[in-house]
Protein backbone atom coordinates (compact mmCIF):
# COMPACT_ATOMS: atom_id res chain seq x y z
CA MET A 1 -31.55 -42.55 17.63
CA GLU A 2 -32.14 -40.48 14.30
CA THR A 3 -35.64 -39.75 13.37
CA ALA A 4 -36.70 -39.05 9.97
CA ALA A 5 -36.86 -35.41 10.26
CA ASP A 6 -33.60 -35.55 11.82
CA ALA A 7 -31.91 -37.63 8.67
CA LEU A 8 -33.96 -34.94 6.22
CA ALA A 9 -32.30 -32.01 8.16
CA ARG A 10 -29.13 -33.34 8.17
CA ARG A 11 -29.24 -34.40 4.32
CA ARG A 12 -30.49 -30.68 3.42
CA HIS A 13 -28.00 -29.33 5.26
CA GLU A 14 -24.77 -31.49 3.86
CA HIS A 15 -26.78 -30.66 0.35
CA ARG A 16 -26.44 -27.15 0.98
CA SER A 17 -22.63 -27.14 2.37
CA VAL A 18 -22.02 -29.02 -0.77
CA THR A 19 -23.68 -26.50 -3.21
CA ALA A 20 -21.79 -23.67 -1.16
CA SER A 21 -18.42 -25.25 -1.61
CA ARG A 22 -18.92 -25.71 -5.46
CA LEU A 23 -20.38 -22.22 -6.23
CA THR A 24 -17.49 -20.68 -3.93
CA ALA A 25 -15.04 -22.49 -6.10
CA VAL A 26 -16.92 -21.46 -9.37
CA THR A 27 -17.21 -17.67 -8.21
CA SER A 28 -13.47 -17.57 -7.09
CA SER A 29 -12.34 -18.49 -10.31
CA GLN A 30 -13.31 -15.08 -11.93
CA LEU A 31 -13.77 -16.90 -14.89
CA LEU A 32 -17.12 -16.63 -15.52
CA PRO A 33 -19.10 -14.15 -17.93
CA ALA A 34 -20.58 -11.15 -15.61
CA GLU A 35 -24.32 -12.64 -15.78
CA LEU A 36 -23.33 -16.28 -15.07
CA HIS A 37 -20.83 -14.80 -12.03
CA GLU A 38 -23.87 -12.61 -10.89
CA MET A 39 -25.79 -15.78 -10.77
CA GLY A 40 -23.27 -17.95 -8.69
CA VAL A 41 -22.98 -14.98 -6.22
CA TYR A 42 -26.68 -14.89 -5.82
CA TYR A 43 -27.15 -18.62 -5.16
CA LEU A 44 -24.13 -18.96 -2.88
CA ALA A 45 -25.66 -16.09 -0.66
CA LYS A 46 -29.08 -18.29 -0.74
CA ALA A 47 -26.99 -21.37 0.25
CA HIS A 48 -25.21 -19.13 3.02
CA ARG A 49 -28.79 -17.97 4.45
CA ASP A 50 -30.13 -21.63 4.48
CA LEU A 51 -27.17 -22.71 6.48
CA GLY A 52 -27.43 -20.02 9.19
CA ASP A 53 -24.61 -17.76 7.98
CA SER A 54 -26.43 -14.26 7.88
CA ALA A 55 -23.07 -12.63 7.68
CA ALA A 56 -21.72 -14.21 4.24
CA SER A 57 -25.30 -14.20 3.04
CA ARG A 58 -25.83 -10.49 3.30
CA HIS A 59 -22.25 -9.71 1.51
CA GLY A 60 -23.32 -11.96 -1.64
CA MET A 61 -26.89 -10.47 -1.77
CA GLN A 62 -25.50 -6.72 -1.15
CA LEU A 63 -22.91 -7.53 -4.08
CA VAL A 64 -25.66 -8.45 -6.37
CA ALA A 65 -28.02 -5.76 -5.52
CA GLU A 66 -25.42 -3.35 -6.10
CA GLY A 67 -24.58 -4.88 -9.26
CA GLY A 68 -28.02 -3.67 -10.82
CA GLY A 69 -28.41 -6.82 -12.80
CA ARG A 70 -31.03 -9.09 -13.78
CA LEU A 71 -30.95 -10.57 -10.09
CA ALA A 72 -30.63 -7.05 -8.50
CA PRO A 73 -34.47 -6.85 -7.66
CA ALA A 74 -34.41 -10.39 -5.86
CA ALA A 75 -31.09 -9.56 -3.86
CA GLY A 76 -32.65 -6.50 -2.46
CA ARG A 77 -35.86 -9.05 -1.35
CA GLY A 78 -33.11 -11.45 0.18
CA LEU A 79 -31.79 -8.39 2.09
CA ALA A 80 -35.10 -7.52 3.67
CA HIS A 81 -35.66 -11.02 4.56
CA LEU A 82 -32.17 -11.25 6.37
CA ALA A 83 -32.68 -8.22 8.09
CA ARG A 84 -36.06 -9.32 9.31
CA LEU A 85 -34.53 -12.54 10.76
CA ALA A 86 -31.98 -10.29 12.27
CA GLY A 87 -35.06 -8.57 14.27
CA ASP A 88 -34.39 -5.31 12.13
CA PHE A 89 -37.75 -4.59 10.26
CA PRO A 90 -36.66 -2.57 7.30
CA THR A 91 -38.67 -0.68 4.86
CA ALA A 92 -39.80 -2.38 1.65
CA GLN A 93 -40.54 0.84 -0.21
CA THR A 94 -37.13 0.69 -2.45
CA LEU A 95 -37.60 -2.73 -3.70
CA GLY A 96 -40.37 -1.97 -6.12
CA TRP A 97 -42.55 -4.27 -8.38
CA GLU A 98 -39.68 -5.98 -9.34
CA GLY A 99 -38.26 -6.64 -5.75
CA ARG A 100 -41.84 -7.70 -4.88
CA GLN A 101 -42.33 -4.69 -2.55
CA HIS A 102 -45.84 -5.31 -1.46
CA ARG A 103 -45.28 -8.87 -0.90
CA VAL A 104 -42.49 -8.01 1.03
CA GLU A 105 -44.12 -5.44 3.04
CA GLY A 106 -46.88 -8.17 3.86
CA ASP A 107 -44.44 -10.65 5.01
CA ILE A 108 -43.07 -7.65 7.33
CA SER A 109 -46.52 -6.96 8.90
CA TRP A 110 -46.97 -10.62 9.77
CA PRO A 111 -44.73 -10.77 12.68
CA HIS A 112 -45.72 -7.36 13.75
CA GLY A 113 -49.29 -8.97 14.05
CA ASP A 114 -50.69 -5.83 11.79
CA MET A 115 -53.16 -8.04 9.83
CA ALA A 116 -54.89 -4.89 8.40
CA ARG A 117 -51.81 -3.92 6.87
CA MET A 118 -50.61 -7.19 5.83
CA ALA A 119 -54.21 -7.91 4.01
CA ALA A 120 -53.98 -4.66 2.11
CA ALA A 121 -50.28 -5.11 0.85
CA TYR A 122 -51.41 -8.55 -0.35
CA ALA A 123 -54.12 -7.01 -2.18
CA THR A 124 -51.61 -4.84 -3.95
CA ALA A 125 -49.52 -7.33 -4.55
CA ARG A 126 -52.03 -9.81 -6.10
CA ASP A 127 -53.53 -6.39 -8.15
CA GLN A 128 -49.97 -5.61 -9.59
CA ALA A 129 -49.30 -9.66 -10.30
CA GLU A 130 -52.30 -9.86 -12.09
CA GLN A 131 -51.50 -6.68 -14.03
CA HIS A 132 -48.29 -7.86 -15.23
CA GLY A 133 -49.88 -11.14 -15.98
CA ILE A 134 -48.08 -13.24 -13.48
CA ALA A 135 -50.49 -15.81 -12.15
CA GLY A 136 -48.40 -17.58 -9.72
CA LYS A 137 -47.53 -14.46 -7.81
CA ARG A 138 -51.14 -13.24 -7.78
CA THR A 139 -52.42 -16.85 -6.49
CA THR A 140 -49.85 -16.62 -4.01
CA SER A 141 -50.63 -13.14 -2.74
CA GLN A 142 -54.45 -13.71 -2.79
CA THR A 143 -53.92 -16.67 -0.39
CA GLN A 144 -51.90 -14.74 1.70
CA ARG A 145 -54.42 -12.05 1.90
CA ALA A 146 -56.95 -14.45 2.92
CA PHE A 147 -55.09 -15.97 5.64
CA ALA A 148 -54.52 -12.29 7.02
CA LEU A 149 -58.30 -11.82 6.94
CA ALA A 150 -59.22 -14.87 8.71
CA PHE A 151 -57.75 -13.59 12.20
CA THR A 152 -59.80 -10.51 12.16
CA ASP A 153 -62.77 -10.67 9.67
CA PRO A 154 -64.10 -14.44 9.08
CA GLU A 155 -66.89 -13.21 6.90
CA THR A 156 -64.76 -10.97 4.60
CA ALA A 157 -62.32 -14.25 4.75
CA ASP A 158 -65.01 -16.35 2.97
CA ASP A 159 -65.05 -14.43 -0.09
CA GLU A 160 -61.31 -14.13 -0.31
CA LEU A 161 -60.81 -17.67 0.17
CA HIS A 162 -63.42 -18.48 -2.52
CA LEU A 163 -61.43 -16.31 -4.77
CA ALA A 164 -57.97 -17.99 -3.86
CA GLY A 165 -59.67 -21.56 -4.42
CA GLN A 166 -60.63 -20.68 -8.05
CA LEU A 167 -57.25 -19.08 -8.66
CA LEU A 168 -55.54 -22.34 -7.35
CA THR A 169 -57.50 -24.55 -9.73
CA GLU A 170 -55.62 -23.08 -12.58
CA LEU A 171 -52.22 -23.61 -11.26
CA ASP A 172 -50.25 -26.33 -9.87
CA LEU A 173 -48.77 -24.68 -6.68
CA ARG A 174 -48.85 -27.41 -3.62
CA ALA A 175 -47.38 -25.74 -1.09
CA THR A 176 -49.78 -22.70 -1.64
CA THR A 177 -52.63 -25.11 -1.12
CA LEU A 178 -51.89 -25.31 2.67
CA THR A 179 -52.49 -21.73 3.21
CA PRO A 180 -56.36 -21.87 2.53
CA LYS A 181 -56.61 -24.76 4.59
CA ILE A 182 -54.97 -23.27 7.26
CA ALA A 183 -56.77 -20.06 7.03
CA ALA A 184 -59.92 -21.91 6.76
CA VAL A 185 -59.50 -23.11 10.53
CA ILE A 186 -58.51 -19.67 11.59
CA ARG A 187 -61.74 -18.52 10.32
CA ASP A 188 -64.11 -20.94 11.70
CA ALA A 189 -62.43 -20.69 14.98
CA GLY A 190 -63.00 -16.70 14.93
CA ALA A 191 -66.98 -17.57 13.60
CA LEU A 192 -67.44 -19.94 16.58
CA ARG A 193 -66.02 -17.25 18.78
CA THR A 194 -68.07 -14.45 17.61
CA SER A 195 -71.36 -16.34 17.60
CA SER A 196 -70.87 -17.34 21.24
CA PRO A 197 -72.71 -15.32 24.21
CA TYR A 198 -69.39 -14.44 25.25
CA ALA A 199 -68.45 -12.90 21.91
CA SER A 200 -68.88 -9.17 23.33
CA CYS A 201 -65.97 -10.00 25.81
CA ALA A 202 -63.35 -9.93 23.20
CA PRO A 203 -62.81 -8.23 19.80
CA ARG A 204 -62.28 -10.52 16.57
CA SER A 205 -58.46 -8.66 16.57
CA ALA A 206 -57.97 -10.67 19.67
CA ILE A 207 -58.57 -14.35 18.35
CA PRO A 208 -55.57 -16.08 18.87
CA ALA A 209 -53.47 -17.75 16.38
């Protein structure tokens, strides 16, 4: 019997398949202006990624990245994430601000378990977003920084979560609101451990996820 989750996954896959088919037809026609063609190739690459066709996705992202157009930074970021999914943890230093270099560095640090580097990368991403006046990126980076610190430094995480909460009140970022809630649970678990008589037996960095 198909569950609700199975039905949702099936419909999503069907939708991506239809999208990929239509975009393939459009981009293959070679009738679009250069900028619209680039957009079609980029979103086709995203559809391929969602369908699990990493090779086709990587090919499309590479074409857009090498084209140097408006979506080139986003394509470079897409290539970094595809490499990470394949188990190849790439450098993000070539992405620059437009490619969200420091956010990608934070994302890459997460599977490595390098929470200190993750927190630092997100702090830099947050500050750069603030300098450029991009509130959404600033808020997302701040919530991710609070999440990272919740694992290793519950006391500092308090302040970071407070700031994240303030920033979130200014925006409508429903998915991002879940991150501080998860971080708060992790922070509380760490605080309980460090206050127990057995706290000296395990460093904070050893607190399990």
